[in-house]
Amino acid sequence: NGTQRAYPPEKIWQAHIFGGNFGGEDVIFTYCVMTNLGSPYVNENNMQ
């Protein structure tokens, strides 16, 4: 959505879940350190 963000695994693995505004849309970034997997989702359903 016109927004670019970087998530450094070394600095995000303890909290695992991060929110952010991407061009007016809420995106939730999830990260699993054991799998080394980042999966972001557009928060269409007001997930917490």
ModelCIF file with pLDDT and N, C-alpha, C, O atoms, coordinates in Angstrom:
data_MODEL
#
_entry.id   MODEL 
#
_entity.id                         1 
_entity.type                       polymer 
_entity.pdbx_number_of_molecules   1 
#
_entity_poly.entity_id                      1 
_entity_poly.type                           'polypeptide(L)' 
_entity_poly.nstd_linkage                   no 
_entity_poly.nstd_monomer                   no 
_entity_poly.pdbx_seq_one_letter_code       NGTQRAYPPEKIWQAHIFGGNFGGEDVIFTYCVMTNLGSPYVNENNMQ 
_entity_poly.pdbx_seq_one_letter_code_can   NGTQRAYPPEKIWQAHIFGGNFGGEDVIFTYCVMTNLGSPYVNENNMQ 
_entity_poly.pdbx_strand_id                 A 
#
loop_
_entity_poly_seq.entity_id 
_entity_poly_seq.num 
_entity_poly_seq.mon_id 
_entity_poly_seq.hetero 
1 1  ASN n 
1 2  GLY n 
1 3  THR n 
1 4  GLN n 
1 5  ARG n 
1 6  ALA n 
1 7  TYR n 
1 8  PRO n 
1 9  PRO n 
1 10 GLU n 
1 11 LYS n 
1 12 ILE n 
1 13 TRP n 
1 14 GLN n 
1 15 ALA n 
1 16 HIS n 
1 17 ILE n 
1 18 PHE n 
1 19 GLY n 
1 20 GLY n 
1 21 ASN n 
1 22 PHE n 
1 23 GLY n 
1 24 GLY n 
1 25 GLU n 
1 26 ASP n 
1 27 VAL n 
1 28 ILE n 
1 29 PHE n 
1 30 THR n 
1 31 TYR n 
1 32 CYS n 
1 33 VAL n 
1 34 MET n 
1 35 THR n 
1 36 ASN n 
1 37 LEU n 
1 38 GLY n 
1 39 SER n 
1 40 PRO n 
1 41 TYR n 
1 42 VAL n 
1 43 ASN n 
1 44 GLU n 
1 45 ASN n 
1 46 ASN n 
1 47 MET n 
1 48 GLN n 
#
_struct_asym.id          A 
_struct_asym.entity_id   1 
#
loop_
_ma_qa_metric.id 
_ma_qa_metric.mode 
_ma_qa_metric.name 
_ma_qa_metric.software_group_id 
_ma_qa_metric.type 
1 global pLDDT . pLDDT 
2 local  pLDDT . pLDDT 
#
_ma_qa_metric_global.metric_id      1 
_ma_qa_metric_global.metric_value   96.02 
_ma_qa_metric_global.model_id       1 
_ma_qa_metric_global.ordinal_id     1 
#
loop_
_ma_qa_metric_local.label_asym_id 
_ma_qa_metric_local.label_comp_id 
_ma_qa_metric_local.label_seq_id 
_ma_qa_metric_local.metric_id 
_ma_qa_metric_local.metric_value 
_ma_qa_metric_local.model_id 
_ma_qa_metric_local.ordinal_id 
A ASN 1  2 96.00 1 1  
A GLY 2  2 96.00 1 2  
A THR 3  2 98.00 1 3  
A GLN 4  2 98.00 1 4  
A ARG 5  2 98.00 1 5  
A ALA 6  2 98.00 1 6  
A TYR 7  2 98.00 1 7  
A PRO 8  2 97.00 1 8  
A PRO 9  2 96.00 1 9  
A GLU 10 2 93.00 1 10 
A LYS 11 2 93.00 1 11 
A ILE 12 2 94.00 1 12 
A TRP 13 2 90.00 1 13 
A GLN 14 2 90.00 1 14 
A ALA 15 2 93.00 1 15 
A HIS 16 2 96.00 1 16 
A ILE 17 2 98.00 1 17 
A PHE 18 2 98.00 1 18 
A GLY 19 2 97.00 1 19 
A GLY 20 2 96.00 1 20 
A ASN 21 2 96.00 1 21 
A PHE 22 2 97.00 1 22 
A GLY 23 2 95.00 1 23 
A GLY 24 2 95.00 1 24 
A GLU 25 2 96.00 1 25 
A ASP 26 2 97.00 1 26 
A VAL 27 2 98.00 1 27 
A ILE 28 2 98.00 1 28 
A PHE 29 2 98.00 1 29 
A THR 30 2 98.00 1 30 
A TYR 31 2 98.00 1 31 
A CYS 32 2 97.00 1 32 
A VAL 33 2 95.00 1 33 
A MET 34 2 95.00 1 34 
A THR 35 2 97.00 1 35 
A ASN 36 2 97.00 1 36 
A LEU 37 2 98.00 1 37 
A GLY 38 2 97.00 1 38 
A SER 39 2 97.00 1 39 
A PRO 40 2 98.00 1 40 
A TYR 41 2 97.00 1 41 
A VAL 42 2 97.00 1 42 
A ASN 43 2 96.00 1 43 
A GLU 44 2 91.00 1 44 
A ASN 45 2 91.00 1 45 
A ASN 46 2 94.00 1 46 
A MET 47 2 96.00 1 47 
A GLN 48 2 97.00 1 48 
#
loop_
_atom_site.group_PDB 
_atom_site.id 
_atom_site.type_symbol 
_atom_site.label_atom_id 
_atom_site.label_alt_id 
_atom_site.label_comp_id 
_atom_site.label_asym_id 
_atom_site.label_entity_id 
_atom_site.label_seq_id 
_atom_site.pdbx_PDB_ins_code 
_atom_site.Cartn_x 
_atom_site.Cartn_y 
_atom_site.Cartn_z 
_atom_site.occupancy 
_atom_site.B_iso_or_equiv 
_atom_site.pdbx_formal_charge 
_atom_site.auth_seq_id 
_atom_site.auth_comp_id 
_atom_site.auth_asym_id 
_atom_site.auth_atom_id 
_atom_site.pdbx_PDB_model_num 
ATOM 1   N N  . ASN A 1 1  ? 0.811   -1.218  0.000  1.00 96.00 ? 1  ASN A N  1 
ATOM 2   C CA . ASN A 1 1  ? 0.000   0.000   0.000  1.00 96.00 ? 1  ASN A CA 1 
ATOM 3   C C  . ASN A 1 1  ? 0.846   1.270   0.000  1.00 96.00 ? 1  ASN A C  1 
ATOM 4   O O  . ASN A 1 1  ? 0.461   2.284   0.582  1.00 96.00 ? 1  ASN A O  1 
ATOM 5   N N  . GLY A 1 2  ? 2.011   1.202   -0.665 1.00 96.00 ? 2  GLY A N  1 
ATOM 6   C CA . GLY A 1 2  ? 2.874   2.376   -0.746 1.00 96.00 ? 2  GLY A CA 1 
ATOM 7   C C  . GLY A 1 2  ? 3.756   2.592   0.456  1.00 96.00 ? 2  GLY A C  1 
ATOM 8   O O  . GLY A 1 2  ? 4.460   3.599   0.526  1.00 96.00 ? 2  GLY A O  1 
ATOM 9   N N  . THR A 1 3  ? 3.738   1.672   1.409  1.00 98.00 ? 3  THR A N  1 
ATOM 10  C CA . THR A 1 3  ? 4.564   1.776   2.615  1.00 98.00 ? 3  THR A CA 1 
ATOM 11  C C  . THR A 1 3  ? 5.537   0.605   2.657  1.00 98.00 ? 3  THR A C  1 
ATOM 12  O O  . THR A 1 3  ? 5.165   -0.536  2.379  1.00 98.00 ? 3  THR A O  1 
ATOM 13  N N  . GLN A 1 4  ? 6.790   0.900   3.010  1.00 98.00 ? 4  GLN A N  1 
ATOM 14  C CA . GLN A 1 4  ? 7.816   -0.152  3.100  1.00 98.00 ? 4  GLN A CA 1 
ATOM 15  C C  . GLN A 1 4  ? 8.424   -0.141  4.499  1.00 98.00 ? 4  GLN A C  1 
ATOM 16  O O  . GLN A 1 4  ? 8.883   0.886   4.998  1.00 98.00 ? 4  GLN A O  1 
ATOM 17  N N  . ARG A 1 5  ? 8.410   -1.320  5.108  1.00 98.00 ? 5  ARG A N  1 
ATOM 18  C CA . ARG A 1 5  ? 8.958   -1.424  6.465  1.00 98.00 ? 5  ARG A CA 1 
ATOM 19  C C  . ARG A 1 5  ? 9.839   -2.656  6.586  1.00 98.00 ? 5  ARG A C  1 
ATOM 20  O O  . ARG A 1 5  ? 9.553   -3.705  6.008  1.00 98.00 ? 5  ARG A O  1 
ATOM 21  N N  . ALA A 1 6  ? 10.915  -2.507  7.347  1.00 98.00 ? 6  ALA A N  1 
ATOM 22  C CA . ALA A 1 6  ? 11.851  -3.605  7.593  1.00 98.00 ? 6  ALA A CA 1 
ATOM 23  C C  . ALA A 1 6  ? 11.701  -4.089  9.031  1.00 98.00 ? 6  ALA A C  1 
ATOM 24  O O  . ALA A 1 6  ? 11.546  -3.298  9.961  1.00 98.00 ? 6  ALA A O  1 
ATOM 25  N N  . TYR A 1 7  ? 11.752  -5.412  9.187  1.00 98.00 ? 7  TYR A N  1 
ATOM 26  C CA . TYR A 1 7  ? 11.645  -6.041  10.507 1.00 98.00 ? 7  TYR A CA 1 
ATOM 27  C C  . TYR A 1 7  ? 12.891  -6.895  10.732 1.00 98.00 ? 7  TYR A C  1 
ATOM 28  O O  . TYR A 1 7  ? 13.020  -7.956  10.121 1.00 98.00 ? 7  TYR A O  1 
ATOM 29  N N  . PRO A 1 8  ? 13.820  -6.453  11.602 1.00 97.00 ? 8  PRO A N  1 
ATOM 30  C CA . PRO A 1 8  ? 15.046  -7.213  11.840 1.00 97.00 ? 8  PRO A CA 1 
ATOM 31  C C  . PRO A 1 8  ? 14.778  -8.390  12.795 1.00 97.00 ? 8  PRO A C  1 
ATOM 32  O O  . PRO A 1 8  ? 14.406  -8.162  13.946 1.00 97.00 ? 8  PRO A O  1 
ATOM 33  N N  . PRO A 1 9  ? 14.959  -9.636  12.345 1.00 96.00 ? 9  PRO A N  1 
ATOM 34  C CA . PRO A 1 9  ? 14.680  -10.780 13.221 1.00 96.00 ? 9  PRO A CA 1 
ATOM 35  C C  . PRO A 1 9  ? 15.400  -10.732 14.561 1.00 96.00 ? 9  PRO A C  1 
ATOM 36  O O  . PRO A 1 9  ? 14.861  -11.185 15.571 1.00 96.00 ? 9  PRO A O  1 
ATOM 37  N N  . GLU A 1 10 ? 16.621  -10.184 14.580 1.00 93.00 ? 10 GLU A N  1 
ATOM 38  C CA . GLU A 1 10 ? 17.368  -10.109 15.837 1.00 93.00 ? 10 GLU A CA 1 
ATOM 39  C C  . GLU A 1 10 ? 16.683  -9.219  16.871 1.00 93.00 ? 10 GLU A C  1 
ATOM 40  O O  . GLU A 1 10 ? 16.958  -9.325  18.066 1.00 93.00 ? 10 GLU A O  1 
ATOM 41  N N  . LYS A 1 11 ? 15.793  -8.343  16.409 1.00 93.00 ? 11 LYS A N  1 
ATOM 42  C CA . LYS A 1 11 ? 15.200  -7.376  17.328 1.00 93.00 ? 11 LYS A CA 1 
ATOM 43  C C  . LYS A 1 11 ? 13.698  -7.576  17.523 1.00 93.00 ? 11 LYS A C  1 
ATOM 44  O O  . LYS A 1 11 ? 13.063  -6.821  18.261 1.00 93.00 ? 11 LYS A O  1 
ATOM 45  N N  . ILE A 1 12 ? 13.131  -8.579  16.872 1.00 94.00 ? 12 ILE A N  1 
ATOM 46  C CA . ILE A 1 12 ? 11.668  -8.743  16.952 1.00 94.00 ? 12 ILE A CA 1 
ATOM 47  C C  . ILE A 1 12 ? 11.235  -10.083 17.522 1.00 94.00 ? 12 ILE A C  1 
ATOM 48  O O  . ILE A 1 12 ? 10.042  -10.300 17.739 1.00 94.00 ? 12 ILE A O  1 
ATOM 49  N N  . TRP A 1 13 ? 12.183  -10.992 17.771 1.00 90.00 ? 13 TRP A N  1 
ATOM 50  C CA . TRP A 1 13 ? 11.793  -12.372 18.075 1.00 90.00 ? 13 TRP A CA 1 
ATOM 51  C C  . TRP A 1 13 ? 11.192  -12.558 19.467 1.00 90.00 ? 13 TRP A C  1 
ATOM 52  O O  . TRP A 1 13 ? 10.561  -13.581 19.732 1.00 90.00 ? 13 TRP A O  1 
ATOM 53  N N  . GLN A 1 14 ? 11.376  -11.603 20.341 1.00 90.00 ? 14 GLN A N  1 
ATOM 54  C CA . GLN A 1 14 ? 10.807  -11.781 21.682 1.00 90.00 ? 14 GLN A CA 1 
ATOM 55  C C  . GLN A 1 14 ? 9.337   -11.368 21.730 1.00 90.00 ? 14 GLN A C  1 
ATOM 56  O O  . GLN A 1 14 ? 8.529   -12.037 22.374 1.00 90.00 ? 14 GLN A O  1 
ATOM 57  N N  . ALA A 1 15 ? 8.985   -10.280 21.059 1.00 93.00 ? 15 ALA A N  1 
ATOM 58  C CA . ALA A 1 15 ? 7.592   -9.833  21.075 1.00 93.00 ? 15 ALA A CA 1 
ATOM 59  C C  . ALA A 1 15 ? 6.733   -10.580 20.064 1.00 93.00 ? 15 ALA A C  1 
ATOM 60  O O  . ALA A 1 15 ? 5.549   -10.813 20.307 1.00 93.00 ? 15 ALA A O  1 
ATOM 61  N N  . HIS A 1 16 ? 7.325   -10.960 18.924 1.00 96.00 ? 16 HIS A N  1 
ATOM 62  C CA . HIS A 1 16 ? 6.667   -11.803 17.913 1.00 96.00 ? 16 HIS A CA 1 
ATOM 63  C C  . HIS A 1 16 ? 5.585   -11.116 17.077 1.00 96.00 ? 16 HIS A C  1 
ATOM 64  O O  . HIS A 1 16 ? 5.399   -11.484 15.917 1.00 96.00 ? 16 HIS A O  1 
ATOM 65  N N  . ILE A 1 17 ? 4.877   -10.145 17.616 1.00 98.00 ? 17 ILE A N  1 
ATOM 66  C CA . ILE A 1 17 ? 3.716   -9.570  16.922 1.00 98.00 ? 17 ILE A CA 1 
ATOM 67  C C  . ILE A 1 17 ? 3.803   -8.047  16.974 1.00 98.00 ? 17 ILE A C  1 
ATOM 68  O O  . ILE A 1 17 ? 3.990   -7.454  18.036 1.00 98.00 ? 17 ILE A O  1 
ATOM 69  N N  . PHE A 1 18 ? 3.661   -7.416  15.777 1.00 98.00 ? 18 PHE A N  1 
ATOM 70  C CA . PHE A 1 18 ? 3.813   -5.967  15.662 1.00 98.00 ? 18 PHE A CA 1 
ATOM 71  C C  . PHE A 1 18 ? 2.731   -5.409  14.752 1.00 98.00 ? 18 PHE A C  1 
ATOM 72  O O  . PHE A 1 18 ? 2.379   -6.021  13.743 1.00 98.00 ? 18 PHE A O  1 
ATOM 73  N N  . GLY A 1 19 ? 2.217   -4.269  15.106 1.00 97.00 ? 19 GLY A N  1 
ATOM 74  C CA . GLY A 1 19 ? 1.226   -3.600  14.279 1.00 97.00 ? 19 GLY A CA 1 
ATOM 75  C C  . GLY A 1 19 ? 1.828   -2.416  13.559 1.00 97.00 ? 19 GLY A C  1 
ATOM 76  O O  . GLY A 1 19 ? 2.923   -1.960  13.888 1.00 97.00 ? 19 GLY A O  1 
ATOM 77  N N  . GLY A 1 20 ? 1.092   -1.919  12.562 1.00 96.00 ? 20 GLY A N  1 
ATOM 78  C CA . GLY A 1 20 ? 1.570   -0.744  11.846 1.00 96.00 ? 20 GLY A CA 1 
ATOM 79  C C  . GLY A 1 20 ? 0.576   -0.290  10.792 1.00 96.00 ? 20 GLY A C  1 
ATOM 80  O O  . GLY A 1 20 ? -0.200  -1.086  10.263 1.00 96.00 ? 20 GLY A O  1 
ATOM 81  N N  . ASN A 1 21 ? 0.612   0.999   10.498 1.00 96.00 ? 21 ASN A N  1 
ATOM 82  C CA . ASN A 1 21 ? -0.258  1.578   9.480  1.00 96.00 ? 21 ASN A CA 1 
ATOM 83  C C  . ASN A 1 21 ? 0.451   1.559   8.136  1.00 96.00 ? 21 ASN A C  1 
ATOM 84  O O  . ASN A 1 21 ? 1.531   2.130   7.985  1.00 96.00 ? 21 ASN A O  1 
ATOM 85  N N  . PHE A 1 22 ? -0.164  0.900   7.161  1.00 97.00 ? 22 PHE A N  1 
ATOM 86  C CA . PHE A 1 22 ? 0.386   0.833   5.812  1.00 97.00 ? 22 PHE A CA 1 
ATOM 87  C C  . PHE A 1 22 ? -0.582  1.534   4.861  1.00 97.00 ? 22 PHE A C  1 
ATOM 88  O O  . PHE A 1 22 ? -1.522  0.919   4.357  1.00 97.00 ? 22 PHE A O  1 
ATOM 89  N N  . GLY A 1 23 ? -0.348  2.806   4.624  1.00 95.00 ? 23 GLY A N  1 
ATOM 90  C CA . GLY A 1 23 ? -1.196  3.561   3.711  1.00 95.00 ? 23 GLY A CA 1 
ATOM 91  C C  . GLY A 1 23 ? -2.651  3.578   4.109  1.00 95.00 ? 23 GLY A C  1 
ATOM 92  O O  . GLY A 1 23 ? -3.534  3.505   3.253  1.00 95.00 ? 23 GLY A O  1 
ATOM 93  N N  . GLY A 1 24 ? -2.911  3.675   5.397  1.00 95.00 ? 24 GLY A N  1 
ATOM 94  C CA . GLY A 1 24 ? -4.284  3.720   5.883  1.00 95.00 ? 24 GLY A CA 1 
ATOM 95  C C  . GLY A 1 24 ? -4.864  2.376   6.275  1.00 95.00 ? 24 GLY A C  1 
ATOM 96  O O  . GLY A 1 24 ? -5.997  2.315   6.754  1.00 95.00 ? 24 GLY A O  1 
ATOM 97  N N  . GLU A 1 25 ? -4.119  1.297   6.086  1.00 96.00 ? 25 GLU A N  1 
ATOM 98  C CA . GLU A 1 25 ? -4.585  -0.032  6.483  1.00 96.00 ? 25 GLU A CA 1 
ATOM 99  C C  . GLU A 1 25 ? -3.700  -0.587  7.596  1.00 96.00 ? 25 GLU A C  1 
ATOM 100 O O  . GLU A 1 25 ? -2.481  -0.422  7.585  1.00 96.00 ? 25 GLU A O  1 
ATOM 101 N N  . ASP A 1 26 ? -4.333  -1.236  8.538  1.00 97.00 ? 26 ASP A N  1 
ATOM 102 C CA . ASP A 1 26 ? -3.630  -1.834  9.666  1.00 97.00 ? 26 ASP A CA 1 
ATOM 103 C C  . ASP A 1 26 ? -3.094  -3.195  9.249  1.00 97.00 ? 26 ASP A C  1 
ATOM 104 O O  . ASP A 1 26 ? -3.857  -4.060  8.819  1.00 97.00 ? 26 ASP A O  1 
ATOM 105 N N  . VAL A 1 27 ? -1.793  -3.384  9.375  1.00 98.00 ? 27 VAL A N  1 
ATOM 106 C CA . VAL A 1 27 ? -1.155  -4.658  9.060  1.00 98.00 ? 27 VAL A CA 1 
ATOM 107 C C  . VAL A 1 27 ? -0.486  -5.198  10.322 1.00 98.00 ? 27 VAL A C  1 
ATOM 108 O O  . VAL A 1 27 ? 0.238   -4.476  11.008 1.00 98.00 ? 27 VAL A O  1 
ATOM 109 N N  . ILE A 1 28 ? -0.734  -6.469  10.619 1.00 98.00 ? 28 ILE A N  1 
ATOM 110 C CA . ILE A 1 28 ? -0.122  -7.125  11.776 1.00 98.00 ? 28 ILE A CA 1 
ATOM 111 C C  . ILE A 1 28 ? 0.975   -8.058  11.275 1.00 98.00 ? 28 ILE A C  1 
ATOM 112 O O  . ILE A 1 28 ? 0.713   -8.973  10.494 1.00 98.00 ? 28 ILE A O  1 
ATOM 113 N N  . PHE A 1 29 ? 2.199   -7.822  11.727 1.00 98.00 ? 29 PHE A N  1 
ATOM 114 C CA . PHE A 1 29 ? 3.338   -8.648  11.336 1.00 98.00 ? 29 PHE A CA 1 
ATOM 115 C C  . PHE A 1 29 ? 3.611   -9.664  12.432 1.00 98.00 ? 29 PHE A C  1 
ATOM 116 O O  . PHE A 1 29 ? 3.849   -9.285  13.578 1.00 98.00 ? 29 PHE A O  1 
ATOM 117 N N  . THR A 1 30 ? 3.582   -10.955 12.096 1.00 98.00 ? 30 THR A N  1 
ATOM 118 C CA . THR A 1 30 ? 3.875   -12.003 13.066 1.00 98.00 ? 30 THR A CA 1 
ATOM 119 C C  . THR A 1 30 ? 5.203   -12.658 12.706 1.00 98.00 ? 30 THR A C  1 
ATOM 120 O O  . THR A 1 30 ? 5.517   -12.838 11.529 1.00 98.00 ? 30 THR A O  1 
ATOM 121 N N  . TYR A 1 31 ? 5.975   -13.010 13.719 1.00 98.00 ? 31 TYR A N  1 
ATOM 122 C CA . TYR A 1 31 ? 7.281   -13.637 13.471 1.00 98.00 ? 31 TYR A CA 1 
ATOM 123 C C  . TYR A 1 31 ? 7.508   -14.771 14.453 1.00 98.00 ? 31 TYR A C  1 
ATOM 124 O O  . TYR A 1 31 ? 7.358   -14.588 15.661 1.00 98.00 ? 31 TYR A O  1 
ATOM 125 N N  . CYS A 1 32 ? 7.873   -15.947 13.940 1.00 97.00 ? 32 CYS A N  1 
ATOM 126 C CA . CYS A 1 32 ? 8.212   -17.101 14.784 1.00 97.00 ? 32 CYS A CA 1 
ATOM 127 C C  . CYS A 1 32 ? 9.704   -17.349 14.694 1.00 97.00 ? 32 CYS A C  1 
ATOM 128 O O  . CYS A 1 32 ? 10.217  -17.679 13.625 1.00 97.00 ? 32 CYS A O  1 
ATOM 129 N N  . VAL A 1 33 ? 10.404  -17.193 15.807 1.00 95.00 ? 33 VAL A N  1 
ATOM 130 C CA . VAL A 1 33 ? 11.854  -17.337 15.808 1.00 95.00 ? 33 VAL A CA 1 
ATOM 131 C C  . VAL A 1 33 ? 12.267  -18.789 15.602 1.00 95.00 ? 33 VAL A C  1 
ATOM 132 O O  . VAL A 1 33 ? 13.305  -19.045 14.991 1.00 95.00 ? 33 VAL A O  1 
ATOM 133 N N  . MET A 1 34 ? 11.479  -19.750 16.099 1.00 95.00 ? 34 MET A N  1 
ATOM 134 C CA . MET A 1 34 ? 11.829  -21.162 15.958 1.00 95.00 ? 34 MET A CA 1 
ATOM 135 C C  . MET A 1 34 ? 11.706  -21.635 14.509 1.00 95.00 ? 34 MET A C  1 
ATOM 136 O O  . MET A 1 34 ? 12.444  -22.522 14.078 1.00 95.00 ? 34 MET A O  1 
ATOM 137 N N  . THR A 1 35 ? 10.781  -21.046 13.764 1.00 97.00 ? 35 THR A N  1 
ATOM 138 C CA . THR A 1 35 ? 10.581  -21.411 12.366 1.00 97.00 ? 35 THR A CA 1 
ATOM 139 C C  . THR A 1 35 ? 11.351  -20.481 11.446 1.00 97.00 ? 35 THR A C  1 
ATOM 140 O O  . THR A 1 35 ? 11.638  -20.828 10.300 1.00 97.00 ? 35 THR A O  1 
ATOM 141 N N  . ASN A 1 36 ? 11.689  -19.285 11.953 1.00 97.00 ? 36 ASN A N  1 
ATOM 142 C CA . ASN A 1 36 ? 12.285  -18.200 11.177 1.00 97.00 ? 36 ASN A CA 1 
ATOM 143 C C  . ASN A 1 36 ? 11.314  -17.762 10.085 1.00 97.00 ? 36 ASN A C  1 
ATOM 144 O O  . ASN A 1 36 ? 11.679  -17.633 8.917  1.00 97.00 ? 36 ASN A O  1 
ATOM 145 N N  . LEU A 1 37 ? 10.074  -17.538 10.497 1.00 98.00 ? 37 LEU A N  1 
ATOM 146 C CA . LEU A 1 37 ? 9.015   -17.210 9.531  1.00 98.00 ? 37 LEU A CA 1 
ATOM 147 C C  . LEU A 1 37 ? 8.322   -15.906 9.897  1.00 98.00 ? 37 LEU A C  1 
ATOM 148 O O  . LEU A 1 37 ? 7.834   -15.732 11.014 1.00 98.00 ? 37 LEU A O  1 
ATOM 149 N N  . GLY A 1 38 ? 8.289   -14.984 8.922  1.00 97.00 ? 38 GLY A N  1 
ATOM 150 C CA . GLY A 1 38 ? 7.506   -13.776 9.059  1.00 97.00 ? 38 GLY A CA 1 
ATOM 151 C C  . GLY A 1 38 ? 6.241   -13.873 8.230  1.00 97.00 ? 38 GLY A C  1 
ATOM 152 O O  . GLY A 1 38 ? 6.300   -14.183 7.040  1.00 97.00 ? 38 GLY A O  1 
ATOM 153 N N  . SER A 1 39 ? 5.084   -13.606 8.852  1.00 97.00 ? 39 SER A N  1 
ATOM 154 C CA . SER A 1 39 ? 3.793   -13.653 8.153  1.00 97.00 ? 39 SER A CA 1 
ATOM 155 C C  . SER A 1 39 ? 2.963   -12.441 8.563  1.00 97.00 ? 39 SER A C  1 
ATOM 156 O O  . SER A 1 39 ? 2.467   -12.386 9.688  1.00 97.00 ? 39 SER A O  1 
ATOM 157 N N  . PRO A 1 40 ? 2.803   -11.457 7.655  1.00 98.00 ? 40 PRO A N  1 
ATOM 158 C CA . PRO A 1 40 ? 1.969   -10.297 7.966  1.00 98.00 ? 40 PRO A CA 1 
ATOM 159 C C  . PRO A 1 40 ? 0.553   -10.471 7.425  1.00 98.00 ? 40 PRO A C  1 
ATOM 160 O O  . PRO A 1 40 ? 0.336   -11.144 6.417  1.00 98.00 ? 40 PRO A O  1 
ATOM 161 N N  . TYR A 1 41 ? -0.397  -9.858  8.108  1.00 97.00 ? 41 TYR A N  1 
ATOM 162 C CA . TYR A 1 41 ? -1.802  -9.953  7.690  1.00 97.00 ? 41 TYR A CA 1 
ATOM 163 C C  . TYR A 1 41 ? -2.461  -8.576  7.754  1.00 97.00 ? 41 TYR A C  1 
ATOM 164 O O  . TYR A 1 41 ? -2.249  -7.816  8.699  1.00 97.00 ? 41 TYR A O  1 
ATOM 165 N N  . VAL A 1 42 ? -3.265  -8.269  6.730  1.00 97.00 ? 42 VAL A N  1 
ATOM 166 C CA . VAL A 1 42 ? -4.086  -7.073  6.800  1.00 97.00 ? 42 VAL A CA 1 
ATOM 167 C C  . VAL A 1 42 ? -5.169  -7.318  7.847  1.00 97.00 ? 42 VAL A C  1 
ATOM 168 O O  . VAL A 1 42 ? -5.872  -8.328  7.804  1.00 97.00 ? 42 VAL A O  1 
ATOM 169 N N  . ASN A 1 43 ? -5.294  -6.383  8.785  1.00 96.00 ? 43 ASN A N  1 
ATOM 170 C CA . ASN A 1 43 ? -6.201  -6.574  9.914  1.00 96.00 ? 43 ASN A CA 1 
ATOM 171 C C  . ASN A 1 43 ? -7.622  -6.139  9.537  1.00 96.00 ? 43 ASN A C  1 
ATOM 172 O O  . ASN A 1 43 ? -8.117  -5.108  9.993  1.00 96.00 ? 43 ASN A O  1 
ATOM 173 N N  . GLU A 1 44 ? -8.252  -6.945  8.703  1.00 91.00 ? 44 GLU A N  1 
ATOM 174 C CA . GLU A 1 44 ? -9.590  -6.592  8.205  1.00 91.00 ? 44 GLU A CA 1 
ATOM 175 C C  . GLU A 1 44 ? -10.683 -6.796  9.245  1.00 91.00 ? 44 GLU A C  1 
ATOM 176 O O  . GLU A 1 44 ? -11.724 -6.141  9.181  1.00 91.00 ? 44 GLU A O  1 
ATOM 177 N N  . ASN A 1 45 ? -10.466 -7.684  10.191 1.00 91.00 ? 45 ASN A N  1 
ATOM 178 C CA . ASN A 1 45 ? -11.516 -8.045  11.148 1.00 91.00 ? 45 ASN A CA 1 
ATOM 179 C C  . ASN A 1 45 ? -11.226 -7.562  12.567 1.00 91.00 ? 45 ASN A C  1 
ATOM 180 O O  . ASN A 1 45 ? -11.743 -8.108  13.541 1.00 91.00 ? 45 ASN A O  1 
ATOM 181 N N  . ASN A 1 46 ? -10.383 -6.519  12.667 1.00 94.00 ? 46 ASN A N  1 
ATOM 182 C CA . ASN A 1 46 ? -10.081 -5.933  13.976 1.00 94.00 ? 46 ASN A CA 1 
ATOM 183 C C  . ASN A 1 46 ? -9.512  -6.981  14.939 1.00 94.00 ? 46 ASN A C  1 
ATOM 184 O O  . ASN A 1 46 ? -9.885  -7.029  16.111 1.00 94.00 ? 46 ASN A O  1 
ATOM 185 N N  . MET A 1 47 ? -8.612  -7.811  14.430 1.00 96.00 ? 47 MET A N  1 
ATOM 186 C CA . MET A 1 47 ? -7.989  -8.836  15.265 1.00 96.00 ? 47 MET A CA 1 
ATOM 187 C C  . MET A 1 47 ? -7.056  -8.208  16.299 1.00 96.00 ? 47 MET A C  1 
ATOM 188 O O  . MET A 1 47 ? -6.440  -7.172  16.051 1.00 96.00 ? 47 MET A O  1 
ATOM 189 N N  . GLN A 1 48 ? -6.965  -8.840  17.435 1.00 97.00 ? 48 GLN A N  1 
ATOM 190 C CA . GLN A 1 48 ? -5.992  -8.451  18.453 1.00 97.00 ? 48 GLN A CA 1 
ATOM 191 C C  . GLN A 1 48 ? -5.171  -9.702  18.747 1.00 97.00 ? 48 GLN A C  1 
ATOM 192 O O  . GLN A 1 48 ? -4.265  -9.665  19.579 1.00 97.00 ? 48 GLN A O  1 
#
